[in-house]
Protein backbone atom coordinates (compact mmCIF):
# COMPACT_ATOMS: atom_id res chain seq x y z
CA MET A 1 1.94 18.72 -17.87
CA ASN A 2 3.25 17.06 -21.04
CA ASP A 3 4.79 14.31 -18.92
CA LEU A 4 1.36 13.40 -17.50
CA PRO A 5 -0.80 11.04 -19.55
CA PRO A 6 -4.29 12.50 -19.90
CA PRO A 7 -7.01 11.04 -17.67
CA ARG A 8 -10.29 9.87 -19.11
CA SER A 9 -11.92 12.73 -20.99
CA ASP A 10 -15.14 12.30 -19.03
CA ILE A 11 -13.16 12.75 -15.81
CA LEU A 12 -11.57 15.94 -17.11
CA ASN A 13 -15.05 17.25 -17.88
CA LEU A 14 -16.51 15.96 -14.63
CA LYS A 15 -18.32 18.55 -12.55
CA SER A 16 -17.41 17.89 -8.93
CA TYR A 17 -20.11 17.48 -6.29
CA ILE A 18 -20.66 20.75 -4.43
CA ALA A 19 -21.20 20.07 -0.76
CA GLY A 20 -23.03 22.33 1.64
CA ALA A 21 -20.79 24.94 3.24
CA GLN A 22 -19.22 23.83 6.52
CA ILE A 23 -18.65 26.92 8.69
CA ASN A 24 -18.17 26.82 12.43
CA ASP A 25 -20.40 28.92 14.71
CA THR A 26 -23.27 28.99 12.21
CA ILE A 27 -26.78 27.55 12.21
CA ARG A 28 -26.32 24.83 9.64
CA LEU A 29 -29.61 24.13 7.89
CA ASN A 30 -28.03 23.48 4.51
CA ALA A 31 -26.98 19.81 4.56
CA ASN A 32 -30.06 17.81 5.66
CA GLU A 33 -28.29 16.76 8.85
CA ALA A 34 -30.21 15.69 11.95
CA PRO A 35 -30.47 18.15 14.84
CA ALA A 36 -28.00 17.53 17.63
CA ALA A 37 -29.29 15.02 20.18
CA ALA A 38 -28.72 14.93 23.93
CA GLY A 39 -25.11 14.16 24.72
CA ASP A 40 -24.11 15.69 21.39
CA THR A 41 -20.94 14.13 19.96
CA GLY A 42 -20.95 16.06 16.72
CA LEU A 43 -21.63 12.89 14.76
CA ASN A 44 -24.92 14.30 13.48
CA ARG A 45 -22.76 16.44 11.20
CA TYR A 46 -21.06 15.23 8.05
CA PRO A 47 -17.26 15.08 8.34
CA GLU A 48 -15.18 17.53 6.35
CA VAL A 49 -15.41 17.05 2.61
CA ARG A 50 -11.63 16.67 2.75
CA PRO A 51 -10.07 16.27 6.24
CA LEU A 52 -7.71 19.24 6.19
CA ALA A 53 -6.19 18.81 9.66
CA LEU A 54 -5.51 15.16 8.93
CA ARG A 55 -4.03 16.03 5.54
CA ASN A 56 -1.70 18.52 7.16
CA ARG A 57 -0.64 15.99 9.82
CA LEU A 58 0.09 13.29 7.24
CA ALA A 59 1.96 15.76 5.06
CA SER A 60 4.17 16.60 8.03
CA LEU A 61 4.66 12.90 8.81
CA PHE A 62 5.63 12.05 5.24
CA ASP A 63 7.60 15.29 4.80
CA VAL A 64 5.76 16.62 1.75
CA PRO A 65 3.66 19.77 1.16
CA ALA A 66 0.00 19.38 2.11
CA GLU A 67 -1.17 20.36 -1.37
CA ASN A 68 0.65 17.31 -2.73
CA LEU A 69 -1.25 14.82 -0.56
CA LEU A 70 -4.72 13.29 -0.75
CA VAL A 71 -6.07 11.37 2.24
CA THR A 72 -7.58 8.02 1.26
CA ARG A 73 -9.10 5.05 3.04
CA GLY A 74 -5.95 2.99 3.03
CA THR A 75 -3.85 2.64 -0.11
CA SER A 76 -6.61 0.45 -1.55
CA GLU A 77 -8.89 3.43 -2.19
CA ALA A 78 -6.02 5.28 -3.88
CA ILE A 79 -5.45 2.29 -6.18
CA ASP A 80 -9.15 2.22 -7.02
CA ILE A 81 -9.51 5.91 -7.86
CA LEU A 82 -6.30 5.94 -9.90
CA MET A 83 -7.72 3.20 -12.11
CA ARG A 84 -11.12 4.85 -12.40
CA THR A 85 -9.52 8.19 -13.24
CA TRP A 86 -7.04 7.10 -15.89
CA CYS A 87 -8.37 3.86 -17.36
CA LYS A 88 -11.32 3.29 -19.63
CA ALA A 89 -12.99 -0.07 -19.20
CA TYR A 90 -12.21 -2.66 -21.90
CA ARG A 91 -9.78 -0.28 -23.59
CA ASP A 92 -6.89 0.74 -21.35
CA THR A 93 -4.34 -1.50 -19.62
CA ILE A 94 -2.17 -1.48 -16.52
CA VAL A 95 1.19 -3.11 -15.80
CA THR A 96 1.91 -5.22 -12.71
CA THR A 97 5.02 -7.11 -11.61
CA PRO A 98 3.90 -10.51 -10.26
CA PRO A 99 4.13 -11.95 -7.75
CA THR A 100 2.84 -8.79 -6.09
CA PHE A 101 -0.05 -7.28 -4.13
CA ASP A 102 -3.25 -8.84 -5.45
CA MET A 103 -5.45 -5.77 -5.05
CA TYR A 104 -4.03 -4.31 -8.27
CA ARG A 105 -5.51 -7.27 -10.14
CA LEU A 106 -8.80 -7.12 -8.24
CA TYR A 107 -9.50 -3.45 -8.93
CA ALA A 108 -8.47 -3.87 -12.56
CA ASN A 109 -10.87 -6.80 -12.93
CA ILE A 110 -13.70 -4.80 -11.35
CA GLN A 111 -13.04 -1.89 -13.72
CA GLY A 112 -12.71 -4.10 -16.82
CA ILE A 113 -9.04 -3.22 -17.33
CA ASP A 114 -6.64 -5.65 -18.96
CA ILE A 115 -3.41 -6.42 -17.11
CA LEU A 116 0.01 -6.71 -18.72
CA GLU A 117 2.55 -8.52 -16.58
CA ALA A 118 6.28 -7.90 -16.23
CA PRO A 119 7.17 -10.71 -13.79
CA LEU A 120 9.89 -10.23 -11.22
CA LEU A 121 13.18 -11.78 -12.26
CA GLY A 122 14.93 -14.90 -11.05
CA ASP A 123 15.50 -16.25 -7.60
CA ASN A 124 15.90 -12.80 -6.06
CA PHE A 125 12.63 -11.38 -7.45
CA SER A 126 14.25 -8.26 -8.91
CA PHE A 127 12.33 -5.77 -11.05
CA ASP A 128 12.66 -6.31 -14.81
CA VAL A 129 12.99 -2.77 -16.17
CA SER A 130 13.08 -3.89 -19.82
CA ALA A 131 9.88 -5.92 -19.44
CA ILE A 132 8.15 -3.06 -17.63
CA LEU A 133 9.06 -0.56 -20.34
CA SER A 134 8.04 -2.99 -23.06
CA ALA A 135 4.61 -3.36 -21.46
CA CYS A 136 4.30 0.43 -21.12
CA GLY A 137 4.96 0.71 -24.83
CA SER A 138 1.66 -1.04 -25.42
CA GLY A 139 -0.16 2.02 -24.08
CA SER A 140 -0.61 1.10 -20.44
CA LYS A 141 -1.90 4.03 -18.41
CA LEU A 142 -0.72 2.86 -14.97
CA VAL A 143 2.31 0.88 -13.79
CA PHE A 144 2.09 -0.53 -10.27
CA LEU A 145 5.39 -1.07 -8.47
CA CYS A 146 5.20 -2.32 -4.90
CA SER A 147 8.47 -1.57 -3.12
CA PRO A 148 9.24 -3.25 -0.79
CA ASN A 149 7.18 -5.76 -2.70
CA ASN A 150 4.45 -7.85 -1.14
CA PRO A 151 5.00 -10.83 -0.78
CA THR A 152 8.68 -11.05 -1.81
CA GLY A 153 10.16 -8.23 0.29
CA SER A 154 12.33 -7.08 -2.62
CA GLN A 155 12.52 -3.44 -3.71
CA ILE A 156 13.32 -1.34 -6.74
CA SER A 157 16.49 0.74 -6.91
CA GLN A 158 16.39 4.51 -7.35
CA SER A 159 18.24 4.24 -10.66
CA ASP A 160 15.75 1.71 -12.06
CA LEU A 161 12.82 3.79 -10.86
CA ALA A 162 14.31 6.88 -12.51
CA LYS A 163 14.70 5.01 -15.81
CA ILE A 164 11.06 3.94 -15.75
CA ILE A 165 9.79 7.43 -14.83
CA GLU A 166 11.77 9.12 -17.60
CA ALA A 167 10.95 6.55 -20.26
CA THR A 168 7.20 6.65 -19.62
CA LYS A 169 6.58 10.40 -19.39
CA GLY A 170 3.45 11.35 -21.28
CA ARG A 171 2.37 7.70 -21.58
CA SER A 172 2.10 6.09 -18.14
CA ILE A 173 1.75 7.01 -14.50
CA ILE A 174 4.09 5.10 -12.23
CA VAL A 175 2.33 4.15 -8.97
CA LEU A 176 4.93 3.36 -6.32
CA ASP A 177 3.29 1.53 -3.41
CA GLU A 178 5.45 2.13 -0.34
CA ALA A 179 3.22 0.46 2.26
CA TYR A 180 6.26 -1.22 3.88
CA ILE A 181 8.93 1.44 3.36
CA GLU A 182 9.44 2.14 7.09
CA PHE A 183 10.93 -1.35 7.47
CA SER A 184 13.55 -0.72 4.80
CA GLU A 185 16.96 0.85 5.28
CA ARG A 186 16.27 2.91 2.19
CA GLY A 187 14.13 6.00 2.61
CA SER A 188 10.91 6.86 0.83
CA PHE A 189 10.88 8.19 -2.73
CA ALA A 190 7.83 10.37 -1.94
CA LYS A 191 9.64 13.62 -2.75
CA LEU A 192 10.31 12.39 -6.29
CA ALA A 193 6.56 12.70 -6.87
CA LEU A 194 6.92 16.46 -6.40
CA GLN A 195 9.36 16.54 -9.33
CA HIS A 196 7.60 14.21 -11.76
CA ASN A 197 3.96 14.50 -12.82
CA ASN A 198 3.87 10.84 -13.82
CA LEU A 199 4.82 9.47 -10.38
CA VAL A 200 2.33 8.79 -7.57
CA VAL A 201 3.61 7.44 -4.25
CA LEU A 202 1.26 5.60 -1.88
CA ARG A 203 1.81 5.60 1.89
CA THR A 204 -0.19 4.08 4.74
CA LEU A 205 -0.55 4.06 8.52
CA SER A 206 -1.58 0.39 8.51
CA LYS A 207 1.86 -1.19 8.87
CA ALA A 208 4.61 0.63 10.76
CA HIS A 209 2.13 2.78 12.70
CA GLY A 210 -0.13 -0.12 13.67
CA LEU A 211 -3.35 1.55 12.52
CA ALA A 212 -4.77 -0.95 10.04
CA GLY A 213 -8.15 -0.65 11.74
CA VAL A 214 -8.66 3.03 10.91
CA ARG A 215 -7.95 2.54 7.16
CA CYS A 216 -5.86 5.67 6.63
CA GLY A 217 -3.57 6.10 3.66
CA ALA A 218 -2.35 8.80 1.34
CA ALA A 219 -1.56 9.43 -2.30
CA ILE A 220 1.39 11.78 -2.82
CA ALA A 221 1.72 13.40 -6.24
CA SER A 222 1.99 16.67 -8.13
CA GLU A 223 -0.74 19.21 -7.45
CA ALA A 224 -2.13 18.55 -10.93
CA VAL A 225 -2.60 14.85 -10.19
CA ILE A 226 -3.99 15.50 -6.69
CA ASN A 227 -6.56 17.93 -8.10
CA ILE A 228 -7.72 15.40 -10.69
CA LEU A 229 -7.97 12.56 -8.17
CA SER A 230 -9.87 14.79 -5.76
CA LYS A 231 -12.62 15.16 -8.34
CA VAL A 232 -13.14 11.38 -8.30
CA LEU A 233 -12.77 10.73 -4.57
CA PRO A 234 -16.25 10.91 -2.97
CA PRO A 235 -16.95 13.73 -0.51
CA TYR A 236 -17.11 12.94 3.21
CA SER A 237 -15.12 9.75 2.53
CA PHE A 238 -13.16 9.78 5.79
CA PRO A 239 -15.40 9.51 8.90
CA THR A 240 -15.14 11.89 11.82
CA PRO A 241 -14.21 9.27 14.48
CA ALA A 242 -11.39 7.98 12.28
CA ILE A 243 -10.09 11.51 11.67
CA GLN A 244 -10.01 12.27 15.37
CA THR A 245 -8.52 8.89 16.24
CA VAL A 246 -5.61 9.38 13.86
CA LEU A 247 -4.99 12.96 14.99
CA ASP A 248 -5.02 11.87 18.64
CA ILE A 249 -2.71 8.91 18.05
CA LEU A 250 -0.09 10.59 15.86
CA SER A 251 1.64 12.26 18.77
CA ASP A 252 5.39 12.50 19.26
CA LYS A 253 5.11 9.70 21.82
CA HIS A 254 3.35 7.46 19.30
CA LEU A 255 5.97 8.16 16.65
CA GLN A 256 8.70 7.19 19.11
CA GLU A 257 6.82 3.98 19.93
CA SER A 258 6.34 3.23 16.23
CA ALA A 259 10.05 3.72 15.60
CA ALA A 260 10.82 1.29 18.42
CA ILE A 261 8.40 -1.27 17.00
CA VAL A 262 9.92 -0.95 13.54
CA ALA A 263 13.41 -1.45 14.97
CA SER A 264 12.20 -4.53 16.86
CA VAL A 265 10.57 -5.97 13.73
CA VAL A 266 13.74 -5.45 11.68
CA SER A 267 15.83 -7.15 14.38
CA GLU A 268 13.35 -10.00 14.76
CA ARG A 269 13.15 -10.38 10.97
CA ALA A 270 16.86 -11.17 10.88
CA ARG A 271 16.64 -13.51 13.87
CA VAL A 272 13.65 -15.46 12.56
CA SER A 273 15.17 -15.79 9.09
CA ALA A 274 18.41 -17.11 10.55
CA HIS A 275 16.51 -19.72 12.58
CA LEU A 276 14.30 -20.86 9.73
CA GLU A 277 17.18 -21.19 7.28
CA LYS A 278 18.69 -23.86 9.55
CA LEU A 279 15.57 -26.04 9.67
CA ASP A 280 15.25 -29.16 7.52
CA CYS A 281 11.67 -28.22 6.59
CA THR A 282 12.71 -25.01 4.83
CA THR A 283 14.66 -24.75 1.59
CA PHE A 284 15.05 -20.96 1.26
CA CYS A 285 14.27 -17.69 3.04
CA TRP A 286 14.32 -14.62 0.82
CA PRO A 287 15.94 -11.40 2.09
CA SER A 288 13.24 -8.90 2.98
CA GLU A 289 12.96 -5.15 3.45
CA ALA A 290 9.40 -5.40 4.81
CA ASN A 291 7.73 -6.62 8.01
CA PHE A 292 7.54 -10.18 6.69
CA ILE A 293 9.68 -12.88 5.13
CA LEU A 294 8.91 -15.19 2.23
CA VAL A 295 9.89 -18.79 2.92
CA HIS A 296 10.00 -21.86 0.67
CA PHE A 297 9.07 -25.08 2.50
CA SER A 298 9.79 -28.63 1.46
CA ASN A 299 6.19 -29.62 2.23
CA LEU A 300 4.01 -26.58 2.78
CA LYS A 301 0.73 -28.48 3.04
CA MET A 302 1.94 -30.48 6.03
CA ILE A 303 3.50 -27.37 7.58
CA LEU A 304 0.20 -25.47 7.35
CA SER A 305 -1.66 -28.34 9.02
CA HIS A 306 0.91 -28.60 11.78
CA LEU A 307 0.89 -24.86 12.47
CA ALA A 308 -2.91 -24.79 12.47
CA GLU A 309 -2.84 -27.32 15.29
CA ARG A 310 -0.72 -24.81 17.21
CA LYS A 311 -3.14 -22.01 16.28
CA ILE A 312 -0.52 -20.28 14.15
CA LEU A 313 -1.47 -18.82 10.77
CA ILE A 314 0.87 -17.97 7.92
CA ARG A 315 -0.05 -16.89 4.38
CA GLU A 316 0.24 -19.34 1.50
CA PHE A 317 -0.25 -18.58 -2.20
CA SER A 318 -1.65 -21.72 -3.81
CA ASP A 319 -3.12 -19.61 -6.64
CA LYS A 320 0.32 -18.37 -7.74
CA PRO A 321 2.44 -21.00 -9.51
CA GLU A 322 5.62 -18.97 -9.06
CA LEU A 323 5.13 -19.20 -5.28
CA LYS A 324 4.47 -22.92 -5.04
CA ASN A 325 5.34 -24.20 -1.56
CA CYS A 326 6.04 -20.63 -0.43
CA ALA A 327 4.50 -18.85 2.53
CA ARG A 328 4.68 -15.27 3.75
CA ILE A 329 5.34 -14.99 7.47
CA THR A 330 4.61 -11.69 9.22
CA ILE A 331 7.12 -10.82 11.93
CA GLY A 332 5.29 -10.59 15.25
CA LEU A 333 6.31 -10.06 18.85
CA LYS A 334 9.31 -12.05 20.07
CA GLU A 335 7.14 -14.55 21.93
CA GLN A 336 4.96 -15.04 18.85
CA ASN A 337 8.00 -15.57 16.67
CA ASP A 338 9.39 -18.02 19.21
CA ALA A 339 6.11 -19.95 19.11
CA LEU A 340 6.46 -20.24 15.33
CA ILE A 341 10.09 -21.38 15.54
CA ASN A 342 9.29 -23.92 18.25
CA ALA A 343 6.36 -25.30 16.24
CA LEU A 344 8.54 -25.74 13.15
CA GLU A 345 11.32 -27.35 15.19
CA ASP A 346 8.75 -29.75 16.62
CA PHE A 347 7.57 -30.54 13.07
CA VAL A 348 11.14 -31.45 12.08
CA GLU A 349 11.51 -33.69 15.15
CA ARG A 350 8.26 -35.52 14.42
CA ALA A 351 9.36 -36.11 10.83
CA LYS A 352 12.54 -37.91 11.88
């Protein structure tokens, strides 16, 4: 446990909420639930305090032991409880690597946590290990690494990740956000979290599995970290319909369909990038290991207006100076991607 920075002392001393016992085939008069109504669906009952069947299914999917996984409402909830568990407001800090996922900043701002930045390097948006370690030396409790990174599509190497993990033991927890890992040729680093107390890996069903609407994610970490986070995560946090929906959907057939969709996205990502690189309205398309590409346009404002006329939306980042005139384009179905390409080709023709 020496490699794990201590959580807030008040969290260590926190007495967890004790829920009413949930035992099948009993008369449950212990939880202030309504009696079952006609056409009983079971929704008069609270869901499990922790959805064990869902935890076991996700553990199998992500190939880790169940005791090393905590089910969360998307990765966003995991980010939130990590900050609330390890960071004291107006005292502790976190490290981020901009440009990156903006929810790290949002939850830090809500919690009153200062942010130290180790910006991605150069034109290829690579991770700056020296800058990250320098920021950790200032006493940062959490380091957020999104890999593949949103919105750049770049990712951290295993050797760089190992350097950061080793150098920060006892001082910082490394939070590796792998929301887009299924679209990368490189596999997940989730199993490294079983070997290092100061590594937490975040996974989600929102992207490759097409289940953004059910808000299902997971934190993968050592049992010590999972046990601490479980004290902070509210009971009954994952609703019964969502539990059942995920369990029903995550069949072998669904996994085969998801794999086919991922393969299609990866293929389309290469095709769309190749098309856009040839257009006069684009100046650069960054290589991506995610389900999107980051593109620099010569005149983004006019492009956005033109695409809006065609009812096509892409994501711009006017609040990030380092992404001026850049837009993130999610890879869609072939016909959707063709509509985008045709609209941009039409824009070029009109500009002549």
